[in-house]
Amino acid sequence: MISEIAYAVFLSKPSIFWLGIITYTAFVFAALISVLNARGKRIFPFKWHSRMAYIALALAILHGILGLSVYFNF
């Protein structure tokens, strides 16, 4: 059942593909917040760094579950 969600097609690509891109973007955004704050460019407050890291980690766990569901058939 979960593997069906992983292979559901949105915009001609499976949903696991899109979730991987969103996860990667969230990790890059979390790193970007830290780097920009270290250089003195305070576009986002530093508290958003940890929030984005938690969001990216949750997305990565979901992405991993979807990926493993294909191999273990759950």
N, C-alpha and C. Protein backbone atom coordinates (compact mmCIF):
# COMPACT_ATOMS: atom_id res chain seq x y z
N MET A 1 0.82 -1.19 0.00
CA MET A 1 0.00 0.00 0.00
C MET A 1 0.86 1.27 0.00
N ILE A 2 1.87 1.30 0.84
CA ILE A 2 2.75 2.48 0.88
C ILE A 2 3.55 2.57 -0.41
N SER A 3 3.89 1.42 -0.98
CA SER A 3 4.64 1.44 -2.24
C SER A 3 3.80 2.02 -3.38
N GLU A 4 2.49 1.91 -3.27
CA GLU A 4 1.62 2.54 -4.27
C GLU A 4 1.71 4.06 -4.18
N ILE A 5 1.84 4.57 -2.96
CA ILE A 5 2.00 6.02 -2.77
C ILE A 5 3.36 6.46 -3.32
N ALA A 6 4.38 5.62 -3.12
CA ALA A 6 5.72 5.97 -3.60
C ALA A 6 5.76 6.10 -5.12
N TYR A 7 4.97 5.26 -5.79
CA TYR A 7 4.99 5.28 -7.24
C TYR A 7 3.81 6.01 -7.87
N ALA A 8 3.05 6.74 -7.07
CA ALA A 8 1.97 7.56 -7.63
C ALA A 8 2.60 8.65 -8.50
N VAL A 9 2.05 8.86 -9.66
CA VAL A 9 2.66 9.76 -10.64
C VAL A 9 2.06 11.16 -10.53
N PHE A 10 2.95 12.15 -10.38
CA PHE A 10 2.59 13.57 -10.39
C PHE A 10 3.52 14.26 -11.37
N LEU A 11 2.94 14.95 -12.33
CA LEU A 11 3.72 15.65 -13.36
C LEU A 11 4.73 14.73 -14.03
N SER A 12 4.29 13.55 -14.37
CA SER A 12 5.02 12.51 -15.09
C SER A 12 6.22 11.92 -14.34
N LYS A 13 6.31 12.12 -13.03
CA LYS A 13 7.37 11.52 -12.21
C LYS A 13 6.72 10.91 -10.96
N PRO A 14 7.32 9.87 -10.40
CA PRO A 14 6.75 9.28 -9.17
C PRO A 14 6.89 10.23 -7.98
N SER A 15 6.00 10.07 -7.01
CA SER A 15 6.00 10.98 -5.86
C SER A 15 7.28 10.87 -5.03
N ILE A 16 7.92 9.72 -5.02
CA ILE A 16 9.17 9.58 -4.27
C ILE A 16 10.27 10.46 -4.89
N PHE A 17 10.22 10.65 -6.19
CA PHE A 17 11.16 11.54 -6.87
C PHE A 17 10.98 12.98 -6.38
N TRP A 18 9.73 13.46 -6.38
CA TRP A 18 9.45 14.83 -5.94
C TRP A 18 9.77 15.02 -4.47
N LEU A 19 9.47 14.02 -3.65
CA LEU A 19 9.78 14.13 -2.22
C LEU A 19 11.28 14.20 -1.99
N GLY A 20 12.05 13.49 -2.79
CA GLY A 20 13.51 13.56 -2.69
C GLY A 20 14.04 14.95 -3.04
N ILE A 21 13.48 15.55 -4.05
CA ILE A 21 13.91 16.91 -4.43
C ILE A 21 13.52 17.91 -3.34
N ILE A 22 12.33 17.78 -2.79
CA ILE A 22 11.90 18.68 -1.72
C ILE A 22 12.77 18.50 -0.48
N THR A 23 13.12 17.26 -0.16
CA THR A 23 13.98 16.99 0.99
C THR A 23 15.36 17.60 0.81
N TYR A 24 15.94 17.41 -0.36
CA TYR A 24 17.25 17.98 -0.64
C TYR A 24 17.21 19.51 -0.54
N THR A 25 16.17 20.10 -1.06
CA THR A 25 16.02 21.56 -1.00
C THR A 25 15.89 22.03 0.44
N ALA A 26 15.18 21.29 1.27
CA ALA A 26 15.04 21.66 2.68
C ALA A 26 16.38 21.60 3.40
N PHE A 27 17.19 20.57 3.13
CA PHE A 27 18.52 20.49 3.75
C PHE A 27 19.42 21.63 3.28
N VAL A 28 19.37 21.94 2.00
CA VAL A 28 20.18 23.05 1.48
C VAL A 28 19.74 24.37 2.08
N PHE A 29 18.43 24.55 2.23
CA PHE A 29 17.91 25.78 2.82
C PHE A 29 18.34 25.92 4.28
N ALA A 30 18.33 24.80 5.03
CA ALA A 30 18.78 24.84 6.43
C ALA A 30 20.27 25.22 6.51
N ALA A 31 21.07 24.65 5.61
CA ALA A 31 22.49 24.99 5.59
C ALA A 31 22.71 26.44 5.17
N LEU A 32 21.91 26.90 4.22
CA LEU A 32 22.03 28.27 3.74
C LEU A 32 21.72 29.28 4.85
N ILE A 33 20.74 28.98 5.68
CA ILE A 33 20.41 29.87 6.80
C ILE A 33 21.61 29.99 7.73
N SER A 34 22.26 28.88 8.02
CA SER A 34 23.42 28.90 8.90
C SER A 34 24.58 29.68 8.29
N VAL A 35 24.85 29.44 7.02
CA VAL A 35 25.97 30.12 6.36
C VAL A 35 25.72 31.62 6.25
N LEU A 36 24.52 32.01 5.88
CA LEU A 36 24.21 33.43 5.75
C LEU A 36 24.29 34.15 7.10
N ASN A 37 23.81 33.50 8.15
CA ASN A 37 23.90 34.12 9.48
C ASN A 37 25.35 34.23 9.95
N ALA A 38 26.17 33.26 9.60
CA ALA A 38 27.59 33.32 9.98
C ALA A 38 28.31 34.45 9.24
N ARG A 39 27.85 34.78 8.04
CA ARG A 39 28.47 35.86 7.27
C ARG A 39 27.87 37.22 7.58
N GLY A 40 26.88 37.25 8.46
CA GLY A 40 26.30 38.52 8.88
C GLY A 40 25.09 38.96 8.08
N LYS A 41 24.65 38.15 7.15
CA LYS A 41 23.47 38.49 6.35
C LYS A 41 22.25 37.85 7.02
N ARG A 42 21.55 38.58 7.82
CA ARG A 42 20.46 38.05 8.63
C ARG A 42 19.13 38.15 7.89
N ILE A 43 18.98 37.37 6.83
CA ILE A 43 17.72 37.35 6.09
C ILE A 43 16.67 36.59 6.88
N PHE A 44 17.07 35.45 7.46
CA PHE A 44 16.19 34.66 8.31
C PHE A 44 16.81 34.60 9.70
N PRO A 45 16.00 34.66 10.75
CA PRO A 45 16.56 34.50 12.09
C PRO A 45 17.18 33.10 12.25
N PHE A 46 18.16 33.00 13.14
CA PHE A 46 18.87 31.73 13.30
C PHE A 46 17.96 30.63 13.84
N LYS A 47 16.88 30.98 14.53
CA LYS A 47 15.98 29.96 15.06
C LYS A 47 15.34 29.15 13.93
N TRP A 48 15.29 29.72 12.72
CA TRP A 48 14.74 29.00 11.58
C TRP A 48 15.67 27.90 11.09
N HIS A 49 16.95 27.96 11.45
CA HIS A 49 17.89 26.92 11.06
C HIS A 49 17.49 25.58 11.67
N SER A 50 17.22 25.57 12.96
CA SER A 50 16.84 24.31 13.61
C SER A 50 15.46 23.85 13.16
N ARG A 51 14.56 24.78 12.92
CA ARG A 51 13.23 24.40 12.44
C ARG A 51 13.32 23.74 11.07
N MET A 52 14.10 24.32 10.18
CA MET A 52 14.25 23.74 8.85
C MET A 52 14.98 22.40 8.91
N ALA A 53 15.90 22.26 9.85
CA ALA A 53 16.59 20.97 9.99
C ALA A 53 15.61 19.89 10.43
N TYR A 54 14.70 20.21 11.36
CA TYR A 54 13.69 19.23 11.79
C TYR A 54 12.74 18.89 10.64
N ILE A 55 12.35 19.89 9.88
CA ILE A 55 11.46 19.64 8.73
C ILE A 55 12.17 18.76 7.71
N ALA A 56 13.43 19.07 7.43
CA ALA A 56 14.19 18.28 6.45
C ALA A 56 14.39 16.85 6.94
N LEU A 57 14.63 16.68 8.23
CA LEU A 57 14.80 15.34 8.78
C LEU A 57 13.51 14.54 8.69
N ALA A 58 12.37 15.18 8.97
CA ALA A 58 11.08 14.49 8.85
C ALA A 58 10.81 14.10 7.40
N LEU A 59 11.12 14.98 6.47
CA LEU A 59 10.95 14.65 5.05
C LEU A 59 11.88 13.52 4.62
N ALA A 60 13.10 13.51 5.15
CA ALA A 60 14.05 12.45 4.80
C ALA A 60 13.57 11.10 5.34
N ILE A 61 13.01 11.08 6.53
CA ILE A 61 12.47 9.84 7.08
C ILE A 61 11.31 9.35 6.24
N LEU A 62 10.42 10.24 5.86
CA LEU A 62 9.30 9.86 5.00
C LEU A 62 9.79 9.35 3.64
N HIS A 63 10.77 10.01 3.08
CA HIS A 63 11.35 9.59 1.81
C HIS A 63 11.98 8.19 1.95
N GLY A 64 12.67 7.96 3.05
CA GLY A 64 13.27 6.65 3.29
C GLY A 64 12.23 5.55 3.45
N ILE A 65 11.14 5.86 4.15
CA ILE A 65 10.06 4.88 4.32
C ILE A 65 9.45 4.53 2.97
N LEU A 66 9.21 5.53 2.15
CA LEU A 66 8.67 5.27 0.82
C LEU A 66 9.63 4.44 -0.02
N GLY A 67 10.90 4.73 0.08
CA GLY A 67 11.90 3.98 -0.68
C GLY A 67 12.01 2.54 -0.22
N LEU A 68 11.98 2.32 1.08
CA LEU A 68 12.07 0.96 1.62
C LEU A 68 10.80 0.17 1.37
N SER A 69 9.67 0.85 1.28
CA SER A 69 8.41 0.14 1.05
C SER A 69 8.40 -0.57 -0.30
N VAL A 70 9.16 -0.05 -1.23
CA VAL A 70 9.21 -0.68 -2.55
C VAL A 70 9.94 -2.03 -2.47
N TYR A 71 11.00 -2.10 -1.65
CA TYR A 71 11.78 -3.32 -1.56
C TYR A 71 11.20 -4.33 -0.58
N PHE A 72 10.54 -3.87 0.46
CA PHE A 72 10.01 -4.79 1.46
C PHE A 72 8.50 -4.99 1.34
N ASN A 73 7.89 -4.42 0.33
CA ASN A 73 6.47 -4.62 0.01
C ASN A 73 5.53 -4.35 1.17
N PHE A 74 5.64 -3.17 1.76
CA PHE A 74 4.65 -2.78 2.77
C PHE A 74 4.03 -1.47 2.43
